[in-house]
Amino acid sequence: MNKKVEIYSTETCHFCYMAREFFKENNIPFTDYNVGRDTARRAEMLDKSGQMGVPVIVIDDKDLIIGFDKKALVKLLEIPT
């Protein structure tokens, strides 16, 4: 299983931190975009999700998760429970 995982986050967001730790604990490579500093990525996130709330997690350029939804991530990333 090799899925492309991207997270739009900020440094001060507790749920962003939880999502990044979840990926690390499950050995899931991910790309982290800091929308607090990167205005181009912030605009991209807004275009994809329609909102400014973080985290916004995109899997394989098609599945979008807004917030840290562990259950949805386990399912979409096919993590054994």
PDB file of N, CA and C in Angstrom:
ATOM      1  N   MET A   1       0.849  -1.175   0.000  1.00  0.00           N
ATOM      2  CA  MET A   1       0.000   0.000   0.000  1.00  0.00           C
ATOM      3  C   MET A   1       0.892   1.235   0.000  1.00  0.00           C
ATOM      4  N   ASN A   2       0.759   2.005  -1.042  1.00  0.00           N
ATOM      5  CA  ASN A   2       1.541   3.221  -1.158  1.00  0.00           C
ATOM      6  C   ASN A   2       0.631   4.347  -1.596  1.00  0.00           C
ATOM      7  N   LYS A   3       0.065   5.026  -0.641  1.00  0.00           N
ATOM      8  CA  LYS A   3      -0.858   6.104  -0.947  1.00  0.00           C
ATOM      9  C   LYS A   3      -0.167   7.440  -0.750  1.00  0.00           C
ATOM     10  N   LYS A   4      -0.560   8.404  -1.563  1.00  0.00           N
ATOM     11  CA  LYS A   4      -0.043   9.759  -1.438  1.00  0.00           C
ATOM     12  C   LYS A   4      -0.868  10.487  -0.376  1.00  0.00           C
ATOM     13  N   VAL A   5      -0.185  10.960   0.674  1.00  0.00           N
ATOM     14  CA  VAL A   5      -0.874  11.635   1.774  1.00  0.00           C
ATOM     15  C   VAL A   5      -0.315  13.040   1.918  1.00  0.00           C
ATOM     16  N   GLU A   6      -1.217  14.019   1.898  1.00  0.00           N
ATOM     17  CA  GLU A   6      -0.850  15.414   2.090  1.00  0.00           C
ATOM     18  C   GLU A   6      -1.689  15.987   3.223  1.00  0.00           C
ATOM     19  N   ILE A   7      -1.060  16.825   4.044  1.00  0.00           N
ATOM     20  CA  ILE A   7      -1.790  17.467   5.126  1.00  0.00           C
ATOM     21  C   ILE A   7      -1.527  18.963   5.081  1.00  0.00           C
ATOM     22  N   TYR A   8      -2.598  19.721   5.107  1.00  0.00           N
ATOM     23  CA  TYR A   8      -2.520  21.176   5.203  1.00  0.00           C
ATOM     24  C   TYR A   8      -2.723  21.495   6.682  1.00  0.00           C
ATOM     25  N   SER A   9      -1.728  22.141   7.293  1.00  0.00           N
ATOM     26  CA  SER A   9      -1.764  22.313   8.738  1.00  0.00           C
ATOM     27  C   SER A   9      -1.160  23.646   9.160  1.00  0.00           C
ATOM     28  N   THR A  10      -1.209  23.882  10.465  1.00  0.00           N
ATOM     29  CA  THR A  10      -0.512  25.021  11.065  1.00  0.00           C
ATOM     30  C   THR A  10       0.307  24.502  12.235  1.00  0.00           C
ATOM     31  N   GLU A  11       1.261  25.300  12.671  1.00  0.00           N
ATOM     32  CA  GLU A  11       2.142  24.889  13.763  1.00  0.00           C
ATOM     33  C   GLU A  11       1.425  24.797  15.100  1.00  0.00           C
ATOM     34  N   THR A  12       0.382  25.593  15.296  1.00  0.00           N
ATOM     35  CA  THR A  12      -0.275  25.671  16.599  1.00  0.00           C
ATOM     36  C   THR A  12      -1.535  24.814  16.719  1.00  0.00           C
ATOM     37  N   CYS A  13      -1.890  24.104  15.685  1.00  0.00           N
ATOM     38  CA  CYS A  13      -3.116  23.302  15.674  1.00  0.00           C
ATOM     39  C   CYS A  13      -2.888  21.943  16.350  1.00  0.00           C
ATOM     40  N   HIS A  14      -3.619  21.714  17.437  1.00  0.00           N
ATOM     41  CA  HIS A  14      -3.494  20.458  18.187  1.00  0.00           C
ATOM     42  C   HIS A  14      -3.908  19.252  17.335  1.00  0.00           C
ATOM     43  N   PHE A  15      -4.968  19.383  16.564  1.00  0.00           N
ATOM     44  CA  PHE A  15      -5.437  18.264  15.741  1.00  0.00           C
ATOM     45  C   PHE A  15      -4.474  17.984  14.578  1.00  0.00           C
ATOM     46  N   CYS A  16      -3.791  19.026  14.106  1.00  0.00           N
ATOM     47  CA  CYS A  16      -2.759  18.830  13.079  1.00  0.00           C
ATOM     48  C   CYS A  16      -1.618  18.004  13.661  1.00  0.00           C
ATOM     49  N   TYR A  17      -1.225  18.349  14.870  1.00  0.00           N
ATOM     50  CA  TYR A  17      -0.170  17.606  15.560  1.00  0.00           C
ATOM     51  C   TYR A  17      -0.581  16.134  15.725  1.00  0.00           C
ATOM     52  N   MET A  18      -1.820  15.905  16.135  1.00  0.00           N
ATOM     53  CA  MET A  18      -2.314  14.531  16.312  1.00  0.00           C
ATOM     54  C   MET A  18      -2.276  13.764  14.992  1.00  0.00           C
ATOM     55  N   ALA A  19      -2.651  14.413  13.902  1.00  0.00           N
ATOM     56  CA  ALA A  19      -2.645  13.760  12.596  1.00  0.00           C
ATOM     57  C   ALA A  19      -1.218  13.404  12.181  1.00  0.00           C
ATOM     58  N   ARG A  20      -0.286  14.340  12.337  1.00  0.00           N
ATOM     59  CA  ARG A  20       1.108  14.063  11.975  1.00  0.00           C
ATOM     60  C   ARG A  20       1.674  12.921  12.814  1.00  0.00           C
ATOM     61  N   GLU A  21       1.377  12.898  14.103  1.00  0.00           N
ATOM     62  CA  GLU A  21       1.840  11.813  14.973  1.00  0.00           C
ATOM     63  C   GLU A  21       1.221  10.480  14.563  1.00  0.00           C
ATOM     64  N   PHE A  22      -0.048  10.493  14.186  1.00  0.00           N
ATOM     65  CA  PHE A  22      -0.727   9.283  13.709  1.00  0.00           C
ATOM     66  C   PHE A  22      -0.004   8.724  12.487  1.00  0.00           C
ATOM     67  N   PHE A  23       0.340   9.598  11.539  1.00  0.00           N
ATOM     68  CA  PHE A  23       1.048   9.142  10.343  1.00  0.00           C
ATOM     69  C   PHE A  23       2.416   8.559  10.713  1.00  0.00           C
ATOM     70  N   LYS A  24       3.132   9.232  11.588  1.00  0.00           N
ATOM     71  CA  LYS A  24       4.458   8.749  11.990  1.00  0.00           C
ATOM     72  C   LYS A  24       4.366   7.400  12.694  1.00  0.00           C
ATOM     73  N   GLU A  25       3.416   7.260  13.620  1.00  0.00           N
ATOM     74  CA  GLU A  25       3.257   6.008  14.369  1.00  0.00           C
ATOM     75  C   GLU A  25       2.910   4.837  13.460  1.00  0.00           C
ATOM     76  N   ASN A  26       2.242   5.133  12.350  1.00  0.00           N
ATOM     77  CA  ASN A  26       1.829   4.082  11.422  1.00  0.00           C
ATOM     78  C   ASN A  26       2.733   3.991  10.191  1.00  0.00           C
ATOM     79  N   ASN A  27       3.891   4.652  10.268  1.00  0.00           N
ATOM     80  CA  ASN A  27       4.872   4.621   9.178  1.00  0.00           C
ATOM     81  C   ASN A  27       4.278   5.006   7.826  1.00  0.00           C
ATOM     82  N   ILE A  28       3.472   6.059   7.836  1.00  0.00           N
ATOM     83  CA  ILE A  28       2.836   6.546   6.616  1.00  0.00           C
ATOM     84  C   ILE A  28       3.564   7.815   6.173  1.00  0.00           C
ATOM     85  N   PRO A  29       4.235   7.760   5.029  1.00  0.00           N
ATOM     86  CA  PRO A  29       4.886   8.971   4.530  1.00  0.00           C
ATOM     87  C   PRO A  29       3.830  10.021   4.177  1.00  0.00           C
ATOM     88  N   PHE A  30       4.123  11.277   4.467  1.00  0.00           N
ATOM     89  CA  PHE A  30       3.174  12.344   4.167  1.00  0.00           C
ATOM     90  C   PHE A  30       3.922  13.630   3.867  1.00  0.00           C
ATOM     91  N   THR A  31       3.240  14.503   3.145  1.00  0.00           N
ATOM     92  CA  THR A  31       3.768  15.836   2.873  1.00  0.00           C
ATOM     93  C   THR A  31       2.944  16.813   3.686  1.00  0.00           C
ATOM     94  N   ASP A  32       3.651  17.659   4.443  1.00  0.00           N
ATOM     95  CA  ASP A  32       3.000  18.608   5.337  1.00  0.00           C
ATOM     96  C   ASP A  32       3.158  20.020   4.785  1.00  0.00           C
ATOM     97  N   TYR A  33       2.026  20.688   4.531  1.00  0.00           N
ATOM     98  CA  TYR A  33       2.043  22.065   4.053  1.00  0.00           C
ATOM     99  C   TYR A  33       1.616  22.980   5.193  1.00  0.00           C
ATOM    100  N   ASN A  34       2.488  23.896   5.581  1.00  0.00           N
ATOM    101  CA  ASN A  34       2.179  24.836   6.656  1.00  0.00           C
ATOM    102  C   ASN A  34       1.440  26.031   6.058  1.00  0.00           C
ATOM    103  N   VAL A  35       0.119  26.022   6.167  1.00  0.00           N
ATOM    104  CA  VAL A  35      -0.694  27.085   5.572  1.00  0.00           C
ATOM    105  C   VAL A  35      -0.661  28.374   6.397  1.00  0.00           C
ATOM    106  N   GLY A  36      -0.049  28.312   7.564  1.00  0.00           N
ATOM    107  CA  GLY A  36       0.140  29.520   8.346  1.00  0.00           C
ATOM    108  C   GLY A  36       1.213  30.417   7.743  1.00  0.00           C
ATOM    109  N   ARG A  37       2.139  29.818   7.032  1.00  0.00           N
ATOM    110  CA  ARG A  37       3.241  30.571   6.421  1.00  0.00           C
ATOM    111  C   ARG A  37       3.184  30.592   4.895  1.00  0.00           C
ATOM    112  N   ASP A  38       2.593  29.581   4.299  1.00  0.00           N
ATOM    113  CA  ASP A  38       2.607  29.436   2.840  1.00  0.00           C
ATOM    114  C   ASP A  38       1.246  29.848   2.269  1.00  0.00           C
ATOM    115  N   THR A  39       1.167  31.072   1.761  1.00  0.00           N
ATOM    116  CA  THR A  39      -0.120  31.588   1.282  1.00  0.00           C
ATOM    117  C   THR A  39      -0.601  30.871   0.023  1.00  0.00           C
ATOM    118  N   ALA A  40       0.325  30.390  -0.801  1.00  0.00           N
ATOM    119  CA  ALA A  40      -0.080  29.650  -2.001  1.00  0.00           C
ATOM    120  C   ALA A  40      -0.756  28.333  -1.607  1.00  0.00           C
ATOM    121  N   ARG A  41      -0.175  27.632  -0.632  1.00  0.00           N
ATOM    122  CA  ARG A  41      -0.782  26.372  -0.166  1.00  0.00           C
ATOM    123  C   ARG A  41      -2.098  26.645   0.567  1.00  0.00           C
ATOM    124  N   ARG A  42      -2.175  27.774   1.269  1.00  0.00           N
ATOM    125  CA  ARG A  42      -3.427  28.140   1.942  1.00  0.00           C
ATOM    126  C   ARG A  42      -4.539  28.321   0.905  1.00  0.00           C
ATOM    127  N   ALA A  43      -4.234  29.003  -0.196  1.00  0.00           N
ATOM    128  CA  ALA A  43      -5.215  29.200  -1.268  1.00  0.00           C
ATOM    129  C   ALA A  43      -5.602  27.858  -1.892  1.00  0.00           C
ATOM    130  N   GLU A  44      -4.622  26.985  -2.062  1.00  0.00           N
ATOM    131  CA  GLU A  44      -4.870  25.644  -2.610  1.00  0.00           C
ATOM    132  C   GLU A  44      -5.807  24.864  -1.686  1.00  0.00           C
ATOM    133  N   MET A  45      -5.543  24.932  -0.369  1.00  0.00           N
ATOM    134  CA  MET A  45      -6.388  24.245   0.612  1.00  0.00           C
ATOM    135  C   MET A  45      -7.815  24.789   0.570  1.00  0.00           C
ATOM    136  N   LEU A  46      -7.934  26.093   0.502  1.00  0.00           N
ATOM    137  CA  LEU A  46      -9.254  26.731   0.446  1.00  0.00           C
ATOM    138  C   LEU A  46     -10.004  26.312  -0.810  1.00  0.00           C
ATOM    139  N   ASP A  47      -9.291  26.209  -1.918  1.00  0.00           N
ATOM    140  CA  ASP A  47      -9.903  25.777  -3.173  1.00  0.00           C
ATOM    141  C   ASP A  47     -10.394  24.334  -3.079  1.00  0.00           C
ATOM    142  N   LYS A  48      -9.598  23.472  -2.442  1.00  0.00           N
ATOM    143  CA  LYS A  48      -9.968  22.055  -2.330  1.00  0.00           C
ATOM    144  C   LYS A  48     -11.086  21.816  -1.324  1.00  0.00           C
ATOM    145  N   SER A  49     -11.012  22.519  -0.170  1.00  0.00           N
ATOM    146  CA  SER A  49     -11.940  22.202   0.923  1.00  0.00           C
ATOM    147  C   SER A  49     -13.071  23.211   1.098  1.00  0.00           C
ATOM    148  N   GLY A  50     -12.870  24.433   0.595  1.00  0.00           N
ATOM    149  CA  GLY A  50     -13.889  25.461   0.755  1.00  0.00           C
ATOM    150  C   GLY A  50     -13.909  26.083   2.143  1.00  0.00           C
ATOM    151  N   GLN A  51     -12.865  25.845   2.923  1.00  0.00           N
ATOM    152  CA  GLN A  51     -12.842  26.396   4.284  1.00  0.00           C
ATOM    153  C   GLN A  51     -11.414  26.630   4.746  1.00  0.00           C
ATOM    154  N   MET A  52     -11.290  27.356   5.865  1.00  0.00           N
ATOM    155  CA  MET A  52      -9.972  27.684   6.410  1.00  0.00           C
ATOM    156  C   MET A  52      -9.582  26.781   7.571  1.00  0.00           C
ATOM    157  N   GLY A  53     -10.453  25.892   8.016  1.00  0.00           N
ATOM    158  CA  GLY A  53     -10.147  25.017   9.141  1.00  0.00           C
ATOM    159  C   GLY A  53      -9.082  23.991   8.785  1.00  0.00           C
ATOM    160  N   VAL A  54      -8.224  23.698   9.753  1.00  0.00           N
ATOM    161  CA  VAL A  54      -7.178  22.696   9.567  1.00  0.00           C
ATOM    162  C   VAL A  54      -7.298  21.627  10.644  1.00  0.00           C
ATOM    163  N   PRO A  55      -6.790  20.456  10.436  1.00  0.00           N
ATOM    164  CA  PRO A  55      -6.090  20.025   9.240  1.00  0.00           C
ATOM    165  C   PRO A  55      -7.044  19.645   8.114  1.00  0.00           C
ATOM    166  N   VAL A  56      -6.534  19.761   6.912  1.00  0.00           N
ATOM    167  CA  VAL A  56      -7.197  19.216   5.735  1.00  0.00           C
ATOM    168  C   VAL A  56      -6.235  18.163   5.204  1.00  0.00           C
ATOM    169  N   ILE A  57      -6.724  16.939   5.101  1.00  0.00           N
ATOM    170  CA  ILE A  57      -5.891  15.808   4.682  1.00  0.00           C
ATOM    171  C   ILE A  57      -6.414  15.300   3.341  1.00  0.00           C
ATOM    172  N   VAL A  58      -5.502  15.157   2.388  1.00  0.00           N
ATOM    173  CA  VAL A  58      -5.868  14.683   1.055  1.00  0.00           C
ATOM    174  C   VAL A  58      -5.105  13.384   0.800  1.00  0.00           C
ATOM    175  N   ILE A  59      -5.851  12.365   0.386  1.00  0.00           N
ATOM    176  CA  ILE A  59      -5.253  11.063   0.109  1.00  0.00           C
ATOM    177  C   ILE A  59      -5.443  10.739  -1.363  1.00  0.00           C
ATOM    178  N   ASP A  60      -4.330  10.474  -2.030  1.00  0.00           N
ATOM    179  CA  ASP A  60      -4.317  10.124  -3.456  1.00  0.00           C
ATOM    180  C   ASP A  60      -5.037  11.145  -4.332  1.00  0.00           C
ATOM    181  N   ASP A  61      -4.948  12.401  -3.963  1.00  0.00           N
ATOM    182  CA  ASP A  61      -5.532  13.508  -4.738  1.00  0.00           C
ATOM    183  C   ASP A  61      -7.043  13.396  -4.935  1.00  0.00           C
ATOM    184  N   LYS A  62      -7.704  12.537  -4.146  1.00  0.00           N
ATOM    185  CA  LYS A  62      -9.150  12.397  -4.353  1.00  0.00           C
ATOM    186  C   LYS A  62      -9.955  12.379  -3.062  1.00  0.00           C
ATOM    187  N   ASP A  63      -9.457  11.734  -2.037  1.00  0.00           N
ATOM    188  CA  ASP A  63     -10.200  11.659  -0.777  1.00  0.00           C
ATOM    189  C   ASP A  63      -9.783  12.820   0.125  1.00  0.00           C
ATOM    190  N   LEU A  64     -10.776  13.538   0.640  1.00  0.00           N
ATOM    191  CA  LEU A  64     -10.539  14.715   1.459  1.00  0.00           C
ATOM    192  C   LEU A  64     -11.122  14.500   2.851  1.00  0.00           C
ATOM    193  N   ILE A  65     -10.282  14.695   3.863  1.00  0.00           N
ATOM    194  CA  ILE A  65     -10.734  14.600   5.252  1.00  0.00           C
ATOM    195  C   ILE A  65     -10.468  15.939   5.913  1.00  0.00           C
ATOM    196  N   ILE A  66     -11.504  16.516   6.479  1.00  0.00           N
ATOM    197  CA  ILE A  66     -11.371  17.785   7.174  1.00  0.00           C
ATOM    198  C   ILE A  66     -11.372  17.491   8.667  1.00  0.00           C
ATOM    199  N   GLY A  67     -10.299  17.897   9.338  1.00  0.00           N
ATOM    200  CA  GLY A  67     -10.145  17.582  10.751  1.00  0.00           C
ATOM    201  C   GLY A  67      -9.387  16.275  10.916  1.00  0.00           C
ATOM    202  N   PHE A  68      -9.147  15.892  12.150  1.00  0.00           N
ATOM    203  CA  PHE A  68      -8.458  14.630  12.430  1.00  0.00           C
ATOM    204  C   PHE A  68      -9.517  13.574  12.711  1.00  0.00           C
ATOM    205  N   ASP A  69      -9.820  12.779  11.692  1.00  0.00           N
ATOM    206  CA  ASP A  69     -10.821  11.715  11.787  1.00  0.00           C
ATOM    207  C   ASP A  69     -10.077  10.382  11.688  1.00  0.00           C
ATOM    208  N   LYS A  70      -9.677   9.883  12.838  1.00  0.00           N
ATOM    209  CA  LYS A  70      -8.859   8.668  12.898  1.00  0.00           C
ATOM    210  C   LYS A  70      -9.548   7.485  12.217  1.00  0.00           C
ATOM    211  N   LYS A  71     -10.831   7.321  12.453  1.00  0.00           N
ATOM    212  CA  LYS A  71     -11.576   6.200  11.879  1.00  0.00           C
ATOM    213  C   LYS A  71     -11.543   6.257  10.345  1.00  0.00           C
ATOM    214  N   ALA A  72     -11.747   7.432   9.785  1.00  0.00           N
ATOM    215  CA  ALA A  72     -11.712   7.585   8.323  1.00  0.00           C
ATOM    216  C   ALA A  72     -10.312   7.337   7.782  1.00  0.00           C
ATOM    217  N   LEU A  73      -9.298   7.808   8.501  1.00  0.00           N
ATOM    218  CA  LEU A  73      -7.914   7.596   8.059  1.00  0.00           C
ATOM    219  C   LEU A  73      -7.548   6.112   8.071  1.00  0.00           C
ATOM    220  N   VAL A  74      -7.940   5.407   9.120  1.00  0.00           N
ATOM    221  CA  VAL A  74      -7.666   3.967   9.203  1.00  0.00           C
ATOM    222  C   VAL A  74      -8.280   3.250   8.015  1.00  0.00           C
ATOM    223  N   LYS A  75      -9.507   3.618   7.676  1.00  0.00           N
ATOM    224  CA  LYS A  75     -10.198   2.973   6.561  1.00  0.00           C
ATOM    225  C   LYS A  75      -9.542   3.327   5.215  1.00  0.00           C
ATOM    226  N   LEU A  76      -9.341   4.604   4.963  1.00  0.00           N
ATOM    227  CA  LEU A  76      -8.792   5.024   3.669  1.00  0.00           C
ATOM    228  C   LEU A  76      -7.340   4.586   3.464  1.00  0.00           C
ATOM    229  N   LEU A  77      -6.583   4.515   4.539  1.00  0.00           N
ATOM    230  CA  LEU A  77      -5.180   4.114   4.445  1.00  0.00           C
ATOM    231  C   LEU A  77      -4.981   2.610   4.650  1.00  0.00           C
ATOM    232  N   GLU A  78      -6.096   1.907   4.859  1.00  0.00           N
ATOM    233  CA  GLU A  78      -6.090   0.447   4.998  1.00  0.00           C
ATOM    234  C   GLU A  78      -5.123   0.004   6.100  1.00  0.00           C
ATOM    235  N   ILE A  79      -5.248   0.645   7.259  1.00  0.00           N
ATOM    236  CA  ILE A  79      -4.403   0.313   8.411  1.00  0.00           C
ATOM    237  C   ILE A  79      -5.087  -0.788   9.203  1.00  0.00           C
ATOM    238  N   PRO A  80      -4.397  -1.905   9.432  1.00  0.00           N
ATOM    239  CA  PRO A  80      -5.001  -2.986  10.215  1.00  0.00           C
ATOM    240  C   PRO A  80      -5.305  -2.533  11.645  1.00  0.00           C
ATOM    241  N   THR A  81      -6.445  -2.950  12.145  1.00  0.00           N
ATOM    242  CA  THR A  81      -6.824  -2.565  13.517  1.00  0.00           C
ATOM    243  C   THR A  81      -6.700  -3.722  14.469  1.00  0.00           C
TER     244      THR A  81
END
